[in-house]
C-alpha atoms as a PDB file:
ATOM      1  CA  MET A   1     -13.540   5.650 -23.872  1.00  0.00           C
ATOM      2  CA  ASN A   2     -14.731   2.616 -22.671  1.00  0.00           C
ATOM      3  CA  ILE A   3     -17.005   1.487 -19.955  1.00  0.00           C
ATOM      4  CA  GLU A   4     -16.090  -1.859 -18.393  1.00  0.00           C
ATOM      5  CA  ASN A   5     -17.532  -3.919 -16.879  1.00  0.00           C
ATOM      6  CA  CYS A   6     -18.364  -5.678 -13.640  1.00  0.00           C
ATOM      7  CA  THR A   7     -20.673  -7.113 -10.927  1.00  0.00           C
ATOM      8  CA  LEU A   8     -20.497  -7.374  -7.217  1.00  0.00           C
ATOM      9  CA  LEU A   9     -23.035  -9.408  -5.021  1.00  0.00           C
ATOM     10  CA  GLY A  10     -24.100  -6.663  -3.807  1.00  0.00           C
ATOM     11  CA  LEU A  11     -21.067  -6.021  -5.565  1.00  0.00           C
ATOM     12  CA  ILE A  12     -19.659  -8.897  -7.964  1.00  0.00           C
ATOM     13  CA  LEU A  13     -17.366  -7.248 -10.503  1.00  0.00           C
ATOM     14  CA  VAL A  14     -17.344  -9.098 -13.688  1.00  0.00           C
ATOM     15  CA  SER A  15     -16.118  -8.969 -17.529  1.00  0.00           C
ATOM     16  CA  LEU A  16     -14.102  -5.344 -19.604  1.00  0.00           C
ATOM     17  CA  ALA A  17     -12.365  -4.244 -22.704  1.00  0.00           C
ATOM     18  CA  SER A  18      -9.589  -2.034 -21.635  1.00  0.00           C
ATOM     19  CA  VAL A  19      -9.045   1.854 -22.392  1.00  0.00           C
ATOM     20  CA  PRO A  20      -5.547   2.503 -24.689  1.00  0.00           C
ATOM     21  CA  LYS A  21      -3.114   4.165 -22.319  1.00  0.00           C
ATOM     22  CA  GLY A  22      -2.503   7.905 -22.863  1.00  0.00           C
ATOM     23  CA  GLN A  23      -6.705   8.626 -23.152  1.00  0.00           C
ATOM     24  CA  ALA A  24      -9.342   9.562 -19.906  1.00  0.00           C
ATOM     25  CA  GLN A  25      -9.724   7.551 -17.644  1.00  0.00           C
ATOM     26  CA  THR A  26     -11.129   4.499 -17.192  1.00  0.00           C
ATOM     27  CA  GLN A  27     -13.711   3.442 -16.366  1.00  0.00           C
ATOM     28  CA  VAL A  28     -15.241   0.319 -14.771  1.00  0.00           C
ATOM     29  CA  LYS A  29     -19.730  -0.291 -14.919  1.00  0.00           C
ATOM     30  CA  VAL A  30     -20.621  -2.132 -11.676  1.00  0.00           C
ATOM     31  CA  SER A  31     -23.386  -4.176 -11.362  1.00  0.00           C
ATOM     32  CA  THR A  32     -24.581  -4.782  -7.819  1.00  0.00           C
ATOM     33  CA  THR A  33     -27.791  -6.775  -6.870  1.00  0.00           C
ATOM     34  CA  LEU A  34     -29.013  -2.756  -5.189  1.00  0.00           C
ATOM     35  CA  GLY A  35     -27.985  -1.833  -9.159  1.00  0.00           C
ATOM     36  CA  GLU A  36     -25.371   0.078 -11.111  1.00  0.00           C
ATOM     37  CA  PHE A  37     -23.203   2.472 -10.809  1.00  0.00           C
ATOM     38  CA  THR A  38     -19.691   3.235 -12.462  1.00  0.00           C
ATOM     39  CA  LEU A  39     -15.468   3.562 -11.385  1.00  0.00           C
ATOM     40  CA  GLU A  40     -13.346   6.334 -12.913  1.00  0.00           C
ATOM     41  CA  LEU A  41     -10.003   4.321 -12.599  1.00  0.00           C
ATOM     42  CA  PHE A  42      -6.973   7.103 -11.747  1.00  0.00           C
ATOM     43  CA  ASP A  43      -4.729   5.305 -14.397  1.00  0.00           C
ATOM     44  CA  THR A  44      -1.633   7.886 -13.519  1.00  0.00           C
ATOM     45  CA  ALA A  45      -1.666   8.206 -10.321  1.00  0.00           C
ATOM     46  CA  ALA A  46      -2.161   4.741  -9.001  1.00  0.00           C
ATOM     47  CA  PRO A  47      -0.406   2.688 -12.457  1.00  0.00           C
ATOM     48  CA  GLY A  48      -0.061  -0.612 -11.273  1.00  0.00           C
ATOM     49  CA  THR A  49      -2.671  -0.750  -8.929  1.00  0.00           C
ATOM     50  CA  VAL A  50      -5.219  -0.135 -11.774  1.00  0.00           C
ATOM     51  CA  GLU A  51      -3.903  -2.543 -13.918  1.00  0.00           C
ATOM     52  CA  ASN A  52      -3.400  -4.937 -11.312  1.00  0.00           C
ATOM     53  CA  PHE A  53      -7.731  -4.707 -10.395  1.00  0.00           C
ATOM     54  CA  LEU A  54      -7.915  -4.940 -13.888  1.00  0.00           C
ATOM     55  CA  ASN A  55      -6.371  -7.680 -13.955  1.00  0.00           C
ATOM     56  CA  TYR A  56      -8.457 -10.064 -11.766  1.00  0.00           C
ATOM     57  CA  VAL A  57     -11.648  -8.220 -13.820  1.00  0.00           C
ATOM     58  CA  ARG A  58     -10.017  -8.959 -16.825  1.00  0.00           C
ATOM     59  CA  SER A  59      -9.784 -12.887 -16.066  1.00  0.00           C
ATOM     60  CA  GLY A  60     -13.306 -12.728 -14.502  1.00  0.00           C
ATOM     61  CA  ARG A  61     -12.027 -14.005 -10.841  1.00  0.00           C
ATOM     62  CA  PHE A  62     -13.883 -10.761  -9.257  1.00  0.00           C
ATOM     63  CA  ASN A  63     -17.832 -12.849 -11.153  1.00  0.00           C
ATOM     64  CA  GLU A  64     -19.954 -13.157  -8.399  1.00  0.00           C
ATOM     65  CA  SER A  65     -17.613 -11.995  -5.666  1.00  0.00           C
ATOM     66  CA  ASP A  66     -18.984 -10.562  -2.611  1.00  0.00           C
ATOM     67  CA  ASP A  67     -18.750  -8.105  -0.401  1.00  0.00           C
ATOM     68  CA  HIS A  68     -18.116 -10.019   2.585  1.00  0.00           C
ATOM     69  CA  ARG A  69     -17.176  -7.135   4.829  1.00  0.00           C
ATOM     70  CA  THR A  70     -19.930  -3.924   5.413  1.00  0.00           C
ATOM     71  CA  VAL A  71     -19.214  -1.630   8.010  1.00  0.00           C
ATOM     72  CA  PRO A  72     -21.584   1.087   8.050  1.00  0.00           C
ATOM     73  CA  ASN A  73     -20.159   5.180   7.197  1.00  0.00           C
ATOM     74  CA  PHE A  74     -16.278   2.958   6.880  1.00  0.00           C
ATOM     75  CA  VAL A  75     -16.626   1.213   4.281  1.00  0.00           C
ATOM     76  CA  ILE A  76     -17.500  -1.792   1.928  1.00  0.00           C
ATOM     77  CA  GLN A  77     -15.095  -4.523   1.165  1.00  0.00           C
ATOM     78  CA  ALA A  78     -14.557  -7.159  -2.009  1.00  0.00           C
ATOM     79  CA  GLY A  79     -12.645  -8.649  -3.826  1.00  0.00           C
ATOM     80  CA  GLN A  80     -11.797 -12.441  -2.186  1.00  0.00           C
ATOM     81  CA  TYR A  81     -14.282 -14.526  -1.706  1.00  0.00           C
ATOM     82  CA  VAL A  82     -16.991 -15.894  -4.809  1.00  0.00           C
ATOM     83  CA  ILE A  83     -20.419 -17.164  -4.342  1.00  0.00           C
ATOM     84  CA  SER A  84     -19.714 -21.100  -5.648  1.00  0.00           C
ATOM     85  CA  ALA A  85     -22.071 -21.416  -9.030  1.00  0.00           C
ATOM     86  CA  GLY A  86     -25.174 -23.331  -7.985  1.00  0.00           C
ATOM     87  CA  THR A  87     -24.491 -23.241  -4.548  1.00  0.00           C
ATOM     88  CA  THR A  88     -24.174 -20.379  -1.223  1.00  0.00           C
ATOM     89  CA  GLN A  89     -20.228 -21.297  -0.650  1.00  0.00           C
ATOM     90  CA  LEU A  90     -17.957 -18.929  -1.133  1.00  0.00           C
ATOM     91  CA  SER A  91     -15.136 -19.951  -2.033  1.00  0.00           C
ATOM     92  CA  GLN A  92     -11.486 -17.435  -2.027  1.00  0.00           C
ATOM     93  CA  ILE A  93      -9.820 -16.285  -5.695  1.00  0.00           C
ATOM     94  CA  ALA A  94      -6.831 -16.918  -6.829  1.00  0.00           C
ATOM     95  CA  ILE A  95      -4.549 -14.076  -5.381  1.00  0.00           C
ATOM     96  CA  ASP A  96      -1.401 -12.791  -7.945  1.00  0.00           C
ATOM     97  CA  GLY A  97       1.686 -11.899  -5.795  1.00  0.00           C
ATOM     98  CA  THR A  98       1.540  -8.373  -4.179  1.00  0.00           C
ATOM     99  CA  ILE A  99       1.738  -4.782  -5.740  1.00  0.00           C
ATOM    100  CA  ALA A 100       3.497  -1.324  -4.681  1.00  0.00           C
ATOM    101  CA  ASN A 101       1.969   0.978  -2.342  1.00  0.00           C
ATOM    102  CA  GLU A 102       0.748   3.619  -4.303  1.00  0.00           C
ATOM    103  CA  PHE A 103      -0.944   6.745  -2.247  1.00  0.00           C
ATOM    104  CA  ASN A 104      -1.440   9.021  -3.501  1.00  0.00           C
ATOM    105  CA  GLN A 105      -3.809  11.305  -1.355  1.00  0.00           C
ATOM    106  CA  SER A 106      -6.129  11.246   0.689  1.00  0.00           C
ATOM    107  CA  ASN A 107      -9.698   8.253   1.387  1.00  0.00           C
ATOM    108  CA  LEU A 108     -12.597  10.518   0.687  1.00  0.00           C
ATOM    109  CA  ARG A 109     -16.099   9.243   0.638  1.00  0.00           C
ATOM    110  CA  CYS A 110     -16.861   7.924  -2.909  1.00  0.00           C
ATOM    111  CA  THR A 111     -13.535   6.210  -3.508  1.00  0.00           C
ATOM    112  CA  VAL A 112     -12.105   2.847  -4.145  1.00  0.00           C
ATOM    113  CA  ALA A 113      -8.791   2.435  -2.079  1.00  0.00           C
ATOM    114  CA  MET A 114      -6.964  -1.719  -1.723  1.00  0.00           C
ATOM    115  CA  ALA A 115      -6.976  -3.333   1.465  1.00  0.00           C
ATOM    116  CA  LYS A 116      -3.049  -4.730   2.793  1.00  0.00           C
ATOM    117  CA  VAL A 117      -1.531  -6.466   5.396  1.00  0.00           C
ATOM    118  CA  ALA A 118      -1.386  -3.877   9.132  1.00  0.00           C
ATOM    119  CA  GLY A 119       1.761  -3.320   9.290  1.00  0.00           C
ATOM    120  CA  ASP A 120       2.940  -3.661   5.564  1.00  0.00           C
ATOM    121  CA  PRO A 121       2.633  -0.829   2.873  1.00  0.00           C
ATOM    122  CA  ASP A 122       3.255  -2.884  -0.167  1.00  0.00           C
ATOM    123  CA  SER A 123       1.250  -6.254   0.344  1.00  0.00           C
ATOM    124  CA  ALA A 124      -1.802  -5.283  -1.247  1.00  0.00           C
ATOM    125  CA  THR A 125      -3.328  -8.409  -3.151  1.00  0.00           C
ATOM    126  CA  SER A 126      -6.757  -8.489  -4.353  1.00  0.00           C
ATOM    127  CA  LEU A 127      -8.790  -6.868  -1.274  1.00  0.00           C
ATOM    128  CA  CYS A 128     -10.581  -3.303  -2.222  1.00  0.00           C
ATOM    129  CA  PHE A 129     -13.063  -1.106  -0.487  1.00  0.00           C
ATOM    130  CA  LEU A 130     -14.981   1.674  -1.232  1.00  0.00           C
ATOM    131  CA  ILE A 131     -15.231   4.254   2.127  1.00  0.00           C
ATOM    132  CA  VAL A 132     -18.846   5.616   2.286  1.00  0.00           C
ATOM    133  CA  ALA A 133     -17.538   8.625   5.154  1.00  0.00           C
ATOM    134  CA  ASP A 134     -14.408  10.844   4.721  1.00  0.00           C
ATOM    135  CA  MET A 135     -11.244   8.682   6.265  1.00  0.00           C
ATOM    136  CA  VAL A 136      -8.593  10.993   6.685  1.00  0.00           C
ATOM    137  CA  CYS A 137      -7.802   8.843   9.220  1.00  0.00           C
ATOM    138  CA  LEU A 138      -6.347   6.274   6.773  1.00  0.00           C
ATOM    139  CA  VAL A 139      -3.912   8.590   5.123  1.00  0.00           C
ATOM    140  CA  CYS A 140      -1.384   7.872   8.664  1.00  0.00           C
ATOM    141  CA  GLN A 141      -1.933   3.711   8.786  1.00  0.00           C
ATOM    142  CA  PHE A 142       0.553   2.039   7.501  1.00  0.00           C
ATOM    143  CA  GLY A 143       2.393   3.999   4.893  1.00  0.00           C
ATOM    144  CA  GLY A 144      -1.657   4.983   3.989  1.00  0.00           C
ATOM    145  CA  PHE A 145      -3.992   3.520   1.125  1.00  0.00           C
ATOM    146  CA  THR A 146      -3.580   3.249  -2.272  1.00  0.00           C
ATOM    147  CA  VAL A 147      -7.043   5.092  -3.607  1.00  0.00           C
ATOM    148  CA  PHE A 148      -7.077   3.847  -7.430  1.00  0.00           C
ATOM    149  CA  GLY A 149     -10.958   4.975  -7.897  1.00  0.00           C
ATOM    150  CA  ARG A 150     -14.023   7.117  -7.638  1.00  0.00           C
ATOM    151  CA  VAL A 151     -17.299   6.441  -8.142  1.00  0.00           C
ATOM    152  CA  LEU A 152     -18.916   8.973 -10.352  1.00  0.00           C
ATOM    153  CA  ALA A 153     -22.668   8.570  -8.924  1.00  0.00           C
ATOM    154  CA  GLU A 154     -23.357   8.125  -5.757  1.00  0.00           C
ATOM    155  CA  GLY A 155     -26.648   6.236  -6.173  1.00  0.00           C
ATOM    156  CA  LEU A 156     -25.495   3.345  -4.285  1.00  0.00           C
ATOM    157  CA  LEU A 157     -23.561   5.245  -1.092  1.00  0.00           C
END
């Protein structure tokens, strides 16, 4: 199994190489200013969402991405802004079209899910969030939030 790489600021996503279909779940190594952790992506349960996420990582659009929303005992959200080279300025990444909601499991601690627009279950693009506490309440909101991976080691959460 190949381990894909990414970097998040305090969450900054970087590069990767994919695992051929039919093999073990894709893993993405995430490097942050606080250390590293590995995400296991749910290739079978959320194939469209995983492919969308990997497209952003492979294209480099998550390089130097900032975790722009951190809510204690809830989420760490990233995937919208990057820090411009040589500055402290944030700029928005280029966003692809929306993807279909593939919600099929609860948002539990140490999972990663897609953010979306309130009231539109099929509006996810690049925004994703790490869940730092069980959030079963998210199951009922706007058709649920697609969980597409989990943290393999809890070192940062």
